[in-house]
Amino acid sequence: MKYTEHAIVFNCADCRLLGIVTQPEVPVETGVLIVVGGPQYRAGSHRQFTLLARQLAGQGIASLRFDYRGMGDSEGEMRNFEVVDDDIRAAVDSFFRFVPAVRRVALWGLCDAASAALYYAHTDARVGGLILLNPWVHTEAGASRARIRHYYLSRLMQRSFWIKLISGKILLKNSVGDLAKSAQSVVSGASQVTSAPTNPRHGSPGYIDRMFDGLNRFRGNVLFILSGNDLVANEFENLVSRDHQWKKTCALPRITQKQLHEANHTFSNRSWRGQVEQWTARSVERDAVRNEAGAMEN
């Protein structure tokens, strides 16, 4: 399907924000709002967000990718993912004005943009679905646990590791020291949910609880897409597997999880990116069917 792209400027508080609308000739009723994580801007790593928007447009799905305040070309002070609700709401408002055919929106976010989407989604009835890639749930204890489980243990199973060790290309003292430090952090640290990153830009105390509250309050479909070769994704997997509440909620029928086992954090090659694009389009179609069924019941 043919599509057009337009730069738009819209207001959030006293700041002007810049976004790009990618609009097919005949848009379906559900559009995709691509929420940008930090530090990022609307094109994404290796133009990931640009390419995603164009692929979706080819399937009739309109999208808006934008820079929230303090990022990219938008005005304002830099902020972290916990305080961008107003930016997302202003973007949804502008998206609906610019593409009147869009009646609902799915929020798409990678890393801390996924976390921001969980904060926001339940506050806006126009949000029909969530597509969340490698959600940010970082704590020191959680990161250490992910390193032990997904890095050190897997390394011990690799033939290349033992060849490097025998040939002296690995400094065993350094590796053992790092492993011991990670283990100490797991043993002495607080639980992953109640603790917080040491850098306040990465989340304030209790931010994972607030993400969970947002997930519970949201009633639409949720798709989690996880990379296999990424400690951020590994940390989220560990959280869901260890925490009873997260595990119970993520087992609900409205929540789906997909994994690309070899993919890195930003799904940087064409094959991984293409699979993400395909899953995203299918998720939008699934949301459309669910919303139509709900409308018929009402």
C-alpha atoms as a PDB file:
ATOM      1  CA  MET A   1       0.000   0.000   0.000  1.00  0.00           C
ATOM      2  CA  LYS A   2       1.239   3.497  -0.809  1.00  0.00           C
ATOM      3  CA  TYR A   3       1.934   5.813   2.101  1.00  0.00           C
ATOM      4  CA  THR A   4       3.065   9.349   2.890  1.00  0.00           C
ATOM      5  CA  GLU A   5       5.240  10.773   5.656  1.00  0.00           C
ATOM      6  CA  HIS A   6       4.705  14.139   7.293  1.00  0.00           C
ATOM      7  CA  ALA A   7       6.630  15.994   9.975  1.00  0.00           C
ATOM      8  CA  ILE A   8       4.300  17.499  12.570  1.00  0.00           C
ATOM      9  CA  VAL A   9       4.888  19.867  15.483  1.00  0.00           C
ATOM     10  CA  PHE A  10       2.595  19.780  18.507  1.00  0.00           C
ATOM     11  CA  ASN A  11       2.586  21.257  21.986  1.00  0.00           C
ATOM     12  CA  CYS A  12       3.146  19.649  25.359  1.00  0.00           C
ATOM     13  CA  ALA A  13       2.910  22.145  28.214  1.00  0.00           C
ATOM     14  CA  ASP A  14       5.032  25.084  26.993  1.00  0.00           C
ATOM     15  CA  CYS A  15       7.225  23.006  24.665  1.00  0.00           C
ATOM     16  CA  ARG A  16       7.022  22.139  20.995  1.00  0.00           C
ATOM     17  CA  LEU A  17       7.465  18.455  20.156  1.00  0.00           C
ATOM     18  CA  LEU A  18       8.370  17.039  16.761  1.00  0.00           C
ATOM     19  CA  GLY A  19       7.009  13.836  15.276  1.00  0.00           C
ATOM     20  CA  ILE A  20       6.742  11.958  11.993  1.00  0.00           C
ATOM     21  CA  VAL A  21       3.393  10.551  10.868  1.00  0.00           C
ATOM     22  CA  THR A  22       3.588   7.650   8.415  1.00  0.00           C
ATOM     23  CA  GLN A  23       0.147   7.355   6.832  1.00  0.00           C
ATOM     24  CA  PRO A  24      -1.120   4.731   4.358  1.00  0.00           C
ATOM     25  CA  GLU A  25      -3.722   5.644   1.755  1.00  0.00           C
ATOM     26  CA  VAL A  26      -6.458   3.770   3.636  1.00  0.00           C
ATOM     27  CA  PRO A  27      -5.494   3.405   7.322  1.00  0.00           C
ATOM     28  CA  VAL A  28      -7.042   0.777   9.554  1.00  0.00           C
ATOM     29  CA  GLU A  29      -8.713   2.029  12.722  1.00  0.00           C
ATOM     30  CA  THR A  30      -5.826   1.061  15.030  1.00  0.00           C
ATOM     31  CA  GLY A  31      -2.632   3.075  14.682  1.00  0.00           C
ATOM     32  CA  VAL A  32       0.751   2.590  16.363  1.00  0.00           C
ATOM     33  CA  LEU A  33       2.361   5.230  18.544  1.00  0.00           C
ATOM     34  CA  ILE A  34       6.086   4.515  18.715  1.00  0.00           C
ATOM     35  CA  VAL A  35       7.303   5.735  22.106  1.00  0.00           C
ATOM     36  CA  VAL A  36      11.014   6.491  22.080  1.00  0.00           C
ATOM     37  CA  GLY A  37      13.259   5.372  24.932  1.00  0.00           C
ATOM     38  CA  GLY A  38      16.239   7.350  26.130  1.00  0.00           C
ATOM     39  CA  PRO A  39      18.701   8.348  25.097  1.00  0.00           C
ATOM     40  CA  GLN A  40      17.118   7.936  21.660  1.00  0.00           C
ATOM     41  CA  TYR A  41      15.222   9.926  19.089  1.00  0.00           C
ATOM     42  CA  ARG A  42      12.455   9.201  16.607  1.00  0.00           C
ATOM     43  CA  ALA A  43      14.585   7.345  14.002  1.00  0.00           C
ATOM     44  CA  GLY A  44      15.815   4.730  16.481  1.00  0.00           C
ATOM     45  CA  SER A  45      19.039   2.730  16.491  1.00  0.00           C
ATOM     46  CA  HIS A  46      20.008   1.756  12.921  1.00  0.00           C
ATOM     47  CA  ARG A  47      16.776   3.541  11.814  1.00  0.00           C
ATOM     48  CA  GLN A  48      14.707   0.850  13.497  1.00  0.00           C
ATOM     49  CA  PHE A  49      11.667   3.053  14.198  1.00  0.00           C
ATOM     50  CA  THR A  50      11.684   4.588  10.726  1.00  0.00           C
ATOM     51  CA  LEU A  51      11.786   1.192   9.049  1.00  0.00           C
ATOM     52  CA  LEU A  52       9.109  -0.189  11.378  1.00  0.00           C
ATOM     53  CA  ALA A  53       6.771   2.708  10.572  1.00  0.00           C
ATOM     54  CA  ARG A  54       7.180   2.213   6.825  1.00  0.00           C
ATOM     55  CA  GLN A  55       6.616  -1.538   7.001  1.00  0.00           C
ATOM     56  CA  LEU A  56       3.446  -1.015   9.026  1.00  0.00           C
ATOM     57  CA  ALA A  57       2.205   1.595   6.550  1.00  0.00           C
ATOM     58  CA  GLY A  58       2.644  -0.922   3.765  1.00  0.00           C
ATOM     59  CA  GLN A  59       0.100  -3.071   5.618  1.00  0.00           C
ATOM     60  CA  GLY A  60      -2.355  -0.244   6.146  1.00  0.00           C
ATOM     61  CA  ILE A  61      -1.297   0.723   9.676  1.00  0.00           C
ATOM     62  CA  ALA A  62      -0.627   4.402  10.381  1.00  0.00           C
ATOM     63  CA  SER A  63       1.985   5.370  12.966  1.00  0.00           C
ATOM     64  CA  LEU A  64       3.485   8.329  14.763  1.00  0.00           C
ATOM     65  CA  ARG A  65       7.031   8.349  16.111  1.00  0.00           C
ATOM     66  CA  PHE A  66       8.040  11.395  18.089  1.00  0.00           C
ATOM     67  CA  ASP A  67      10.639  12.960  20.362  1.00  0.00           C
ATOM     68  CA  TYR A  68       9.351  13.673  23.841  1.00  0.00           C
ATOM     69  CA  ARG A  69      10.529  16.763  25.724  1.00  0.00           C
ATOM     70  CA  GLY A  70      14.289  17.072  25.999  1.00  0.00           C
ATOM     71  CA  MET A  71      14.989  14.416  23.329  1.00  0.00           C
ATOM     72  CA  GLY A  72      15.913  14.733  19.658  1.00  0.00           C
ATOM     73  CA  ASP A  73      14.478  17.897  18.129  1.00  0.00           C
ATOM     74  CA  SER A  74      11.817  18.565  20.762  1.00  0.00           C
ATOM     75  CA  GLU A  75      12.058  21.420  23.215  1.00  0.00           C
ATOM     76  CA  GLY A  76      12.328  21.165  26.985  1.00  0.00           C
ATOM     77  CA  GLU A  77      14.506  19.681  29.678  1.00  0.00           C
ATOM     78  CA  MET A  78      15.677  16.071  29.394  1.00  0.00           C
ATOM     79  CA  ARG A  79      13.592  13.704  31.491  1.00  0.00           C
ATOM     80  CA  ASN A  80      13.432   9.994  32.195  1.00  0.00           C
ATOM     81  CA  PHE A  81      10.693   7.518  31.296  1.00  0.00           C
ATOM     82  CA  GLU A  82       8.776   8.021  34.544  1.00  0.00           C
ATOM     83  CA  VAL A  83       7.603  11.541  33.695  1.00  0.00           C
ATOM     84  CA  VAL A  84       6.516  11.407  30.043  1.00  0.00           C
ATOM     85  CA  ASP A  85       2.772  10.748  30.465  1.00  0.00           C
ATOM     86  CA  ASP A  86       1.945  14.265  29.281  1.00  0.00           C
ATOM     87  CA  ASP A  87       4.188  13.833  26.235  1.00  0.00           C
ATOM     88  CA  ILE A  88       2.489  10.568  25.264  1.00  0.00           C
ATOM     89  CA  ARG A  89      -0.983  12.055  25.736  1.00  0.00           C
ATOM     90  CA  ALA A  90      -0.111  15.072  23.588  1.00  0.00           C
ATOM     91  CA  ALA A  91       1.223  12.718  20.908  1.00  0.00           C
ATOM     92  CA  VAL A  92      -1.970  10.605  20.929  1.00  0.00           C
ATOM     93  CA  ASP A  93      -4.082  13.774  20.661  1.00  0.00           C
ATOM     94  CA  SER A  94      -2.058  14.984  17.675  1.00  0.00           C
ATOM     95  CA  PHE A  95      -2.046  11.558  16.010  1.00  0.00           C
ATOM     96  CA  PHE A  96      -5.846  11.397  16.146  1.00  0.00           C
ATOM     97  CA  ARG A  97      -6.192  14.927  14.763  1.00  0.00           C
ATOM     98  CA  PHE A  98      -3.799  14.284  11.894  1.00  0.00           C
ATOM     99  CA  VAL A  99      -5.185  10.836  10.959  1.00  0.00           C
ATOM    100  CA  PRO A 100      -8.959  10.983  11.671  1.00  0.00           C
ATOM    101  CA  ALA A 101      -9.432   7.382  10.487  1.00  0.00           C
ATOM    102  CA  VAL A 102      -7.492   6.172  13.547  1.00  0.00           C
ATOM    103  CA  ARG A 103      -9.878   5.419  16.433  1.00  0.00           C
ATOM    104  CA  ARG A 104      -7.516   3.469  18.698  1.00  0.00           C
ATOM    105  CA  VAL A 105      -3.789   3.310  19.253  1.00  0.00           C
ATOM    106  CA  ALA A 106      -1.316   0.612  20.233  1.00  0.00           C
ATOM    107  CA  LEU A 107       1.705   1.832  22.162  1.00  0.00           C
ATOM    108  CA  TRP A 108       5.020   0.370  20.941  1.00  0.00           C
ATOM    109  CA  GLY A 109       8.120   0.800  23.085  1.00  0.00           C
ATOM    110  CA  LEU A 110      11.627  -0.613  23.473  1.00  0.00           C
ATOM    111  CA  CYS A 111      13.462  -0.747  26.820  1.00  0.00           C
ATOM    112  CA  ASP A 112      12.457   2.137  29.103  1.00  0.00           C
ATOM    113  CA  ALA A 113       9.889   3.264  26.498  1.00  0.00           C
ATOM    114  CA  ALA A 114       8.126  -0.038  27.247  1.00  0.00           C
ATOM    115  CA  SER A 115       8.213   0.910  30.928  1.00  0.00           C
ATOM    116  CA  ALA A 116       6.769   4.352  30.107  1.00  0.00           C
ATOM    117  CA  ALA A 117       3.979   2.725  28.083  1.00  0.00           C
ATOM    118  CA  LEU A 118       3.025   0.571  31.092  1.00  0.00           C
ATOM    119  CA  TYR A 119       2.807   3.698  33.230  1.00  0.00           C
ATOM    120  CA  TYR A 120       0.521   5.441  30.742  1.00  0.00           C
ATOM    121  CA  ALA A 121      -1.709   2.891  28.993  1.00  0.00           C
ATOM    122  CA  HIS A 122      -4.390   2.410  31.646  1.00  0.00           C
ATOM    123  CA  THR A 123      -4.946   6.188  31.924  1.00  0.00           C
ATOM    124  CA  ASP A 124      -6.165   6.597  28.318  1.00  0.00           C
ATOM    125  CA  ALA A 125      -9.189   4.690  26.975  1.00  0.00           C
ATOM    126  CA  ARG A 126      -7.940   5.247  23.424  1.00  0.00           C
ATOM    127  CA  VAL A 127      -5.051   2.830  24.013  1.00  0.00           C
ATOM    128  CA  GLY A 128      -6.175  -0.563  22.753  1.00  0.00           C
ATOM    129  CA  GLY A 129      -2.948  -2.568  22.994  1.00  0.00           C
ATOM    130  CA  LEU A 130       0.692  -2.630  24.059  1.00  0.00           C
ATOM    131  CA  ILE A 131       3.715  -3.967  22.174  1.00  0.00           C
ATOM    132  CA  LEU A 132       6.644  -3.960  24.590  1.00  0.00           C
ATOM    133  CA  LEU A 133      10.202  -4.941  23.658  1.00  0.00           C
ATOM    134  CA  ASN A 134      12.782  -5.799  26.339  1.00  0.00           C
ATOM    135  CA  PRO A 135      11.100  -3.805  29.143  1.00  0.00           C
ATOM    136  CA  TRP A 136      13.434  -1.983  31.519  1.00  0.00           C
ATOM    137  CA  VAL A 137      13.227  -3.445  35.048  1.00  0.00           C
ATOM    138  CA  HIS A 138      16.843  -2.874  36.044  1.00  0.00           C
ATOM    139  CA  THR A 139      18.201  -3.124  39.588  1.00  0.00           C
ATOM    140  CA  GLU A 140      21.704  -4.005  40.745  1.00  0.00           C
ATOM    141  CA  ALA A 141      20.550  -7.325  42.201  1.00  0.00           C
ATOM    142  CA  GLY A 142      18.479  -8.125  39.136  1.00  0.00           C
ATOM    143  CA  ALA A 143      21.324  -7.333  36.742  1.00  0.00           C
ATOM    144  CA  SER A 144      23.743  -9.477  38.743  1.00  0.00           C
ATOM    145  CA  ARG A 145      21.316 -12.384  38.739  1.00  0.00           C
ATOM    146  CA  ALA A 146      20.896 -12.068  34.959  1.00  0.00           C
ATOM    147  CA  ARG A 147      24.687 -12.041  34.434  1.00  0.00           C
ATOM    148  CA  ILE A 148      25.135 -15.202  36.489  1.00  0.00           C
ATOM    149  CA  ARG A 149      22.254 -17.093  34.917  1.00  0.00           C
ATOM    150  CA  HIS A 150      22.475 -15.985  31.291  1.00  0.00           C
ATOM    151  CA  TYR A 151      26.148 -15.072  30.835  1.00  0.00           C
ATOM    152  CA  TYR A 152      28.433 -17.006  33.157  1.00  0.00           C
ATOM    153  CA  LEU A 153      26.538 -20.304  33.098  1.00  0.00           C
ATOM    154  CA  SER A 154      26.163 -20.230  29.324  1.00  0.00           C
ATOM    155  CA  ARG A 155      29.850 -19.377  28.908  1.00  0.00           C
ATOM    156  CA  LEU A 156      30.821 -22.486  30.852  1.00  0.00           C
ATOM    157  CA  MET A 157      28.988 -24.571  28.257  1.00  0.00           C
ATOM    158  CA  GLN A 158      30.833 -23.012  25.318  1.00  0.00           C
ATOM    159  CA  ARG A 159      33.826 -24.777  23.804  1.00  0.00           C
ATOM    160  CA  SER A 160      35.332 -21.431  22.775  1.00  0.00           C
ATOM    161  CA  PHE A 161      35.491 -20.359  26.433  1.00  0.00           C
ATOM    162  CA  TRP A 162      37.588 -23.371  27.444  1.00  0.00           C
ATOM    163  CA  ILE A 163      39.913 -22.949  24.447  1.00  0.00           C
ATOM    164  CA  LYS A 164      40.533 -19.301  25.399  1.00  0.00           C
ATOM    165  CA  LEU A 165      41.002 -20.266  29.046  1.00  0.00           C
ATOM    166  CA  ILE A 166      43.567 -22.976  28.250  1.00  0.00           C
ATOM    167  CA  SER A 167      45.417 -20.710  25.809  1.00  0.00           C
ATOM    168  CA  GLY A 168      45.637 -17.935  28.397  1.00  0.00           C
ATOM    169  CA  LYS A 169      43.453 -15.478  26.470  1.00  0.00           C
ATOM    170  CA  ILE A 170      41.091 -15.165  29.447  1.00  0.00           C
ATOM    171  CA  LEU A 171      42.324 -13.726  32.740  1.00  0.00           C
ATOM    172  CA  LEU A 172      40.729 -16.180  35.158  1.00  0.00           C
ATOM    173  CA  LYS A 173      41.378 -13.939  38.137  1.00  0.00           C
ATOM    174  CA  ASN A 174      39.326 -11.096  36.625  1.00  0.00           C
ATOM    175  CA  SER A 175      36.476 -13.404  35.588  1.00  0.00           C
ATOM    176  CA  VAL A 176      36.278 -15.028  39.020  1.00  0.00           C
ATOM    177  CA  GLY A 177      36.373 -11.621  40.682  1.00  0.00           C
ATOM    178  CA  ASP A 178      33.515 -10.309  38.556  1.00  0.00           C
ATOM    179  CA  LEU A 179      31.487 -13.458  39.200  1.00  0.00           C
ATOM    180  CA  ALA A 180      32.040 -13.161  42.947  1.00  0.00           C
ATOM    181  CA  LYS A 181      30.973  -9.509  42.860  1.00  0.00           C
ATOM    182  CA  SER A 182      27.784 -10.420  40.997  1.00  0.00           C
ATOM    183  CA  ALA A 183      27.014 -13.231  43.431  1.00  0.00           C
ATOM    184  CA  GLN A 184      27.534 -10.912  46.409  1.00  0.00           C
ATOM    185  CA  SER A 185      25.130  -8.383  44.892  1.00  0.00           C
ATOM    186  CA  VAL A 186      22.470 -11.083  44.520  1.00  0.00           C
ATOM    187  CA  VAL A 187      22.897 -12.337  48.083  1.00  0.00           C
ATOM    188  CA  SER A 188      23.134  -8.957  49.819  1.00  0.00           C
ATOM    189  CA  GLY A 189      20.816  -6.920  47.572  1.00  0.00           C
ATOM    190  CA  ALA A 190      17.152  -6.236  48.098  1.00  0.00           C
ATOM    191  CA  SER A 191      14.549  -7.963  45.968  1.00  0.00           C
ATOM    192  CA  GLN A 192      14.456  -6.938  42.340  1.00  0.00           C
ATOM    193  CA  VAL A 193      11.021  -5.390  42.696  1.00  0.00           C
ATOM    194  CA  THR A 194      11.660  -3.266  45.787  1.00  0.00           C
ATOM    195  CA  SER A 195      15.184  -2.075  44.984  1.00  0.00           C
ATOM    196  CA  ALA A 196      16.123   0.559  42.408  1.00  0.00           C
ATOM    197  CA  PRO A 197      18.990   1.403  40.058  1.00  0.00           C
ATOM    198  CA  THR A 198      21.837   3.443  41.504  1.00  0.00           C
ATOM    199  CA  ASN A 199      21.376   6.038  38.742  1.00  0.00           C
ATOM    200  CA  PRO A 200      18.097   7.939  39.402  1.00  0.00           C
ATOM    201  CA  ARG A 201      17.728   8.551  35.653  1.00  0.00           C
ATOM    202  CA  HIS A 202      17.165   4.799  35.329  1.00  0.00           C
ATOM    203  CA  GLY A 203      14.231   4.625  37.744  1.00  0.00           C
ATOM    204  CA  SER A 204      13.236   5.749  41.229  1.00  0.00           C
ATOM    205  CA  PRO A 205      12.478   3.400  44.157  1.00  0.00           C
ATOM    206  CA  GLY A 206       9.328   1.390  43.515  1.00  0.00           C
ATOM    207  CA  TYR A 207       9.253   2.026  39.765  1.00  0.00           C
ATOM    208  CA  ILE A 208       8.893  -1.693  38.958  1.00  0.00           C
ATOM    209  CA  ASP A 209       5.878  -1.875  41.284  1.00  0.00           C
ATOM    210  CA  ARG A 210       4.341   1.040  39.382  1.00  0.00           C
ATOM    211  CA  MET A 211       4.959  -0.776  36.087  1.00  0.00           C
ATOM    212  CA  PHE A 212       3.215  -3.834  37.478  1.00  0.00           C
ATOM    213  CA  ASP A 213       0.296  -1.730  38.694  1.00  0.00           C
ATOM    214  CA  GLY A 214      -0.035  -0.269  35.207  1.00  0.00           C
ATOM    215  CA  LEU A 215       0.026  -3.734  33.642  1.00  0.00           C
ATOM    216  CA  ASN A 216      -2.740  -4.901  35.983  1.00  0.00           C
ATOM    217  CA  ARG A 217      -4.901  -1.835  35.386  1.00  0.00           C
ATOM    218  CA  PHE A 218      -4.656  -2.039  31.606  1.00  0.00           C
ATOM    219  CA  ARG A 219      -7.334  -4.286  30.104  1.00  0.00           C
ATOM    220  CA  GLY A 220      -6.139  -4.532  26.501  1.00  0.00           C
ATOM    221  CA  ASN A 221      -3.866  -7.060  24.828  1.00  0.00           C
ATOM    222  CA  VAL A 222      -0.170  -6.967  25.668  1.00  0.00           C
ATOM    223  CA  LEU A 223       2.621  -8.429  23.557  1.00  0.00           C
ATOM    224  CA  PHE A 224       6.092  -8.782  25.103  1.00  0.00           C
ATOM    225  CA  ILE A 225       8.901  -9.296  22.578  1.00  0.00           C
ATOM    226  CA  LEU A 226      12.184 -10.374  24.175  1.00  0.00           C
ATOM    227  CA  SER A 227      15.724 -10.733  22.832  1.00  0.00           C
ATOM    228  CA  GLY A 228      17.636 -13.857  23.829  1.00  0.00           C
ATOM    229  CA  ASN A 229      21.044 -12.183  23.679  1.00  0.00           C
ATOM    230  CA  ASP A 230      20.328  -9.185  25.909  1.00  0.00           C
ATOM    231  CA  LEU A 231      20.764  -8.737  29.656  1.00  0.00           C
ATOM    232  CA  VAL A 232      17.888  -6.222  29.821  1.00  0.00           C
ATOM    233  CA  ALA A 233      15.528  -8.862  28.427  1.00  0.00           C
ATOM    234  CA  ASN A 234      17.124 -11.531  30.631  1.00  0.00           C
ATOM    235  CA  GLU A 235      16.469  -9.386  33.689  1.00  0.00           C
ATOM    236  CA  PHE A 236      12.798  -9.055  32.744  1.00  0.00           C
ATOM    237  CA  GLU A 237      12.525 -12.824  32.196  1.00  0.00           C
ATOM    238  CA  ASN A 238      14.041 -13.470  35.620  1.00  0.00           C
ATOM    239  CA  LEU A 239      11.624 -11.055  37.246  1.00  0.00           C
ATOM    240  CA  VAL A 240       8.602 -12.775  35.694  1.00  0.00           C
ATOM    241  CA  SER A 241       9.869 -16.248  36.589  1.00  0.00           C
ATOM    242  CA  ARG A 242      10.785 -15.371  40.212  1.00  0.00           C
ATOM    243  CA  ASP A 243       8.013 -12.979  41.253  1.00  0.00           C
ATOM    244  CA  HIS A 244       4.655 -14.690  41.882  1.00  0.00           C
ATOM    245  CA  GLN A 245       2.532 -11.656  41.028  1.00  0.00           C
ATOM    246  CA  TRP A 246       4.312 -10.935  37.763  1.00  0.00           C
ATOM    247  CA  LYS A 247       4.186 -14.612  36.790  1.00  0.00           C
ATOM    248  CA  LYS A 248       0.455 -14.850  37.511  1.00  0.00           C
ATOM    249  CA  THR A 249      -0.410 -11.694  35.570  1.00  0.00           C
ATOM    250  CA  CYS A 250       1.797 -12.530  32.582  1.00  0.00           C
ATOM    251  CA  ALA A 251       0.028 -15.893  32.300  1.00  0.00           C
ATOM    252  CA  LEU A 252      -3.309 -14.190  31.545  1.00  0.00           C
ATOM    253  CA  PRO A 253      -4.782 -14.891  28.076  1.00  0.00           C
ATOM    254  CA  ARG A 254      -4.546 -11.221  27.075  1.00  0.00           C
ATOM    255  CA  ILE A 255      -0.764 -11.249  27.557  1.00  0.00           C
ATOM    256  CA  THR A 256       1.509 -12.917  24.999  1.00  0.00           C
ATOM    257  CA  GLN A 257       5.287 -13.352  24.994  1.00  0.00           C
ATOM    258  CA  LYS A 258       7.523 -13.897  21.979  1.00  0.00           C
ATOM    259  CA  GLN A 259      11.289 -14.382  21.970  1.00  0.00           C
ATOM    260  CA  LEU A 260      14.004 -14.103  19.341  1.00  0.00           C
ATOM    261  CA  HIS A 261      16.716 -16.256  20.872  1.00  0.00           C
ATOM    262  CA  GLU A 262      19.713 -14.869  18.972  1.00  0.00           C
ATOM    263  CA  ALA A 263      18.627 -11.223  18.811  1.00  0.00           C
ATOM    264  CA  ASN A 264      20.423  -8.388  20.592  1.00  0.00           C
ATOM    265  CA  HIS A 265      18.804  -5.512  22.472  1.00  0.00           C
ATOM    266  CA  THR A 266      17.829  -3.424  19.436  1.00  0.00           C
ATOM    267  CA  PHE A 267      17.092  -6.293  16.996  1.00  0.00           C
ATOM    268  CA  SER A 268      19.799  -4.896  14.789  1.00  0.00           C
ATOM    269  CA  ASN A 269      19.796  -7.169  11.753  1.00  0.00           C
ATOM    270  CA  ARG A 270      17.233  -7.387   8.973  1.00  0.00           C
ATOM    271  CA  SER A 271      15.882 -10.804   9.938  1.00  0.00           C
ATOM    272  CA  TRP A 272      15.281  -9.891  13.598  1.00  0.00           C
ATOM    273  CA  ARG A 273      13.787  -6.528  12.653  1.00  0.00           C
ATOM    274  CA  GLY A 274      11.496  -8.190  10.117  1.00  0.00           C
ATOM    275  CA  GLN A 275      10.183 -10.627  12.705  1.00  0.00           C
ATOM    276  CA  VAL A 276       9.441  -7.766  15.100  1.00  0.00           C
ATOM    277  CA  GLU A 277       7.591  -5.932  12.330  1.00  0.00           C
ATOM    278  CA  GLN A 278       5.540  -9.037  11.572  1.00  0.00           C
ATOM    279  CA  TRP A 279       4.635  -9.642  15.213  1.00  0.00           C
ATOM    280  CA  THR A 280       3.719  -5.965  15.607  1.00  0.00           C
ATOM    281  CA  ALA A 281       1.344  -6.031  12.632  1.00  0.00           C
ATOM    282  CA  ARG A 282      -0.285  -9.244  13.872  1.00  0.00           C
ATOM    283  CA  SER A 283      -0.737  -7.737  17.317  1.00  0.00           C
ATOM    284  CA  VAL A 284      -2.510  -4.716  15.818  1.00  0.00           C
ATOM    285  CA  GLU A 285      -4.799  -7.064  13.864  1.00  0.00           C
ATOM    286  CA  ARG A 286      -5.513  -9.041  17.045  1.00  0.00           C
ATOM    287  CA  ASP A 287      -6.398  -5.836  18.909  1.00  0.00           C
ATOM    288  CA  ALA A 288      -8.728  -4.810  16.076  1.00  0.00           C
ATOM    289  CA  VAL A 289     -10.586  -8.131  16.234  1.00  0.00           C
ATOM    290  CA  ARG A 290     -10.878  -7.901  20.027  1.00  0.00           C
ATOM    291  CA  ASN A 291     -12.196  -4.332  19.897  1.00  0.00           C
ATOM    292  CA  GLU A 292     -14.727  -5.185  17.169  1.00  0.00           C
ATOM    293  CA  ALA A 293     -15.979  -8.112  19.245  1.00  0.00           C
ATOM    294  CA  GLY A 294     -16.290  -5.867  22.277  1.00  0.00           C
ATOM    295  CA  ALA A 295     -18.210  -3.258  20.255  1.00  0.00           C
ATOM    296  CA  MET A 296     -20.668  -5.909  19.026  1.00  0.00           C
ATOM    297  CA  GLU A 297     -21.272  -7.117  22.582  1.00  0.00           C
ATOM    298  CA  ASN A 298     -22.021  -3.569  23.706  1.00  0.00           C
END
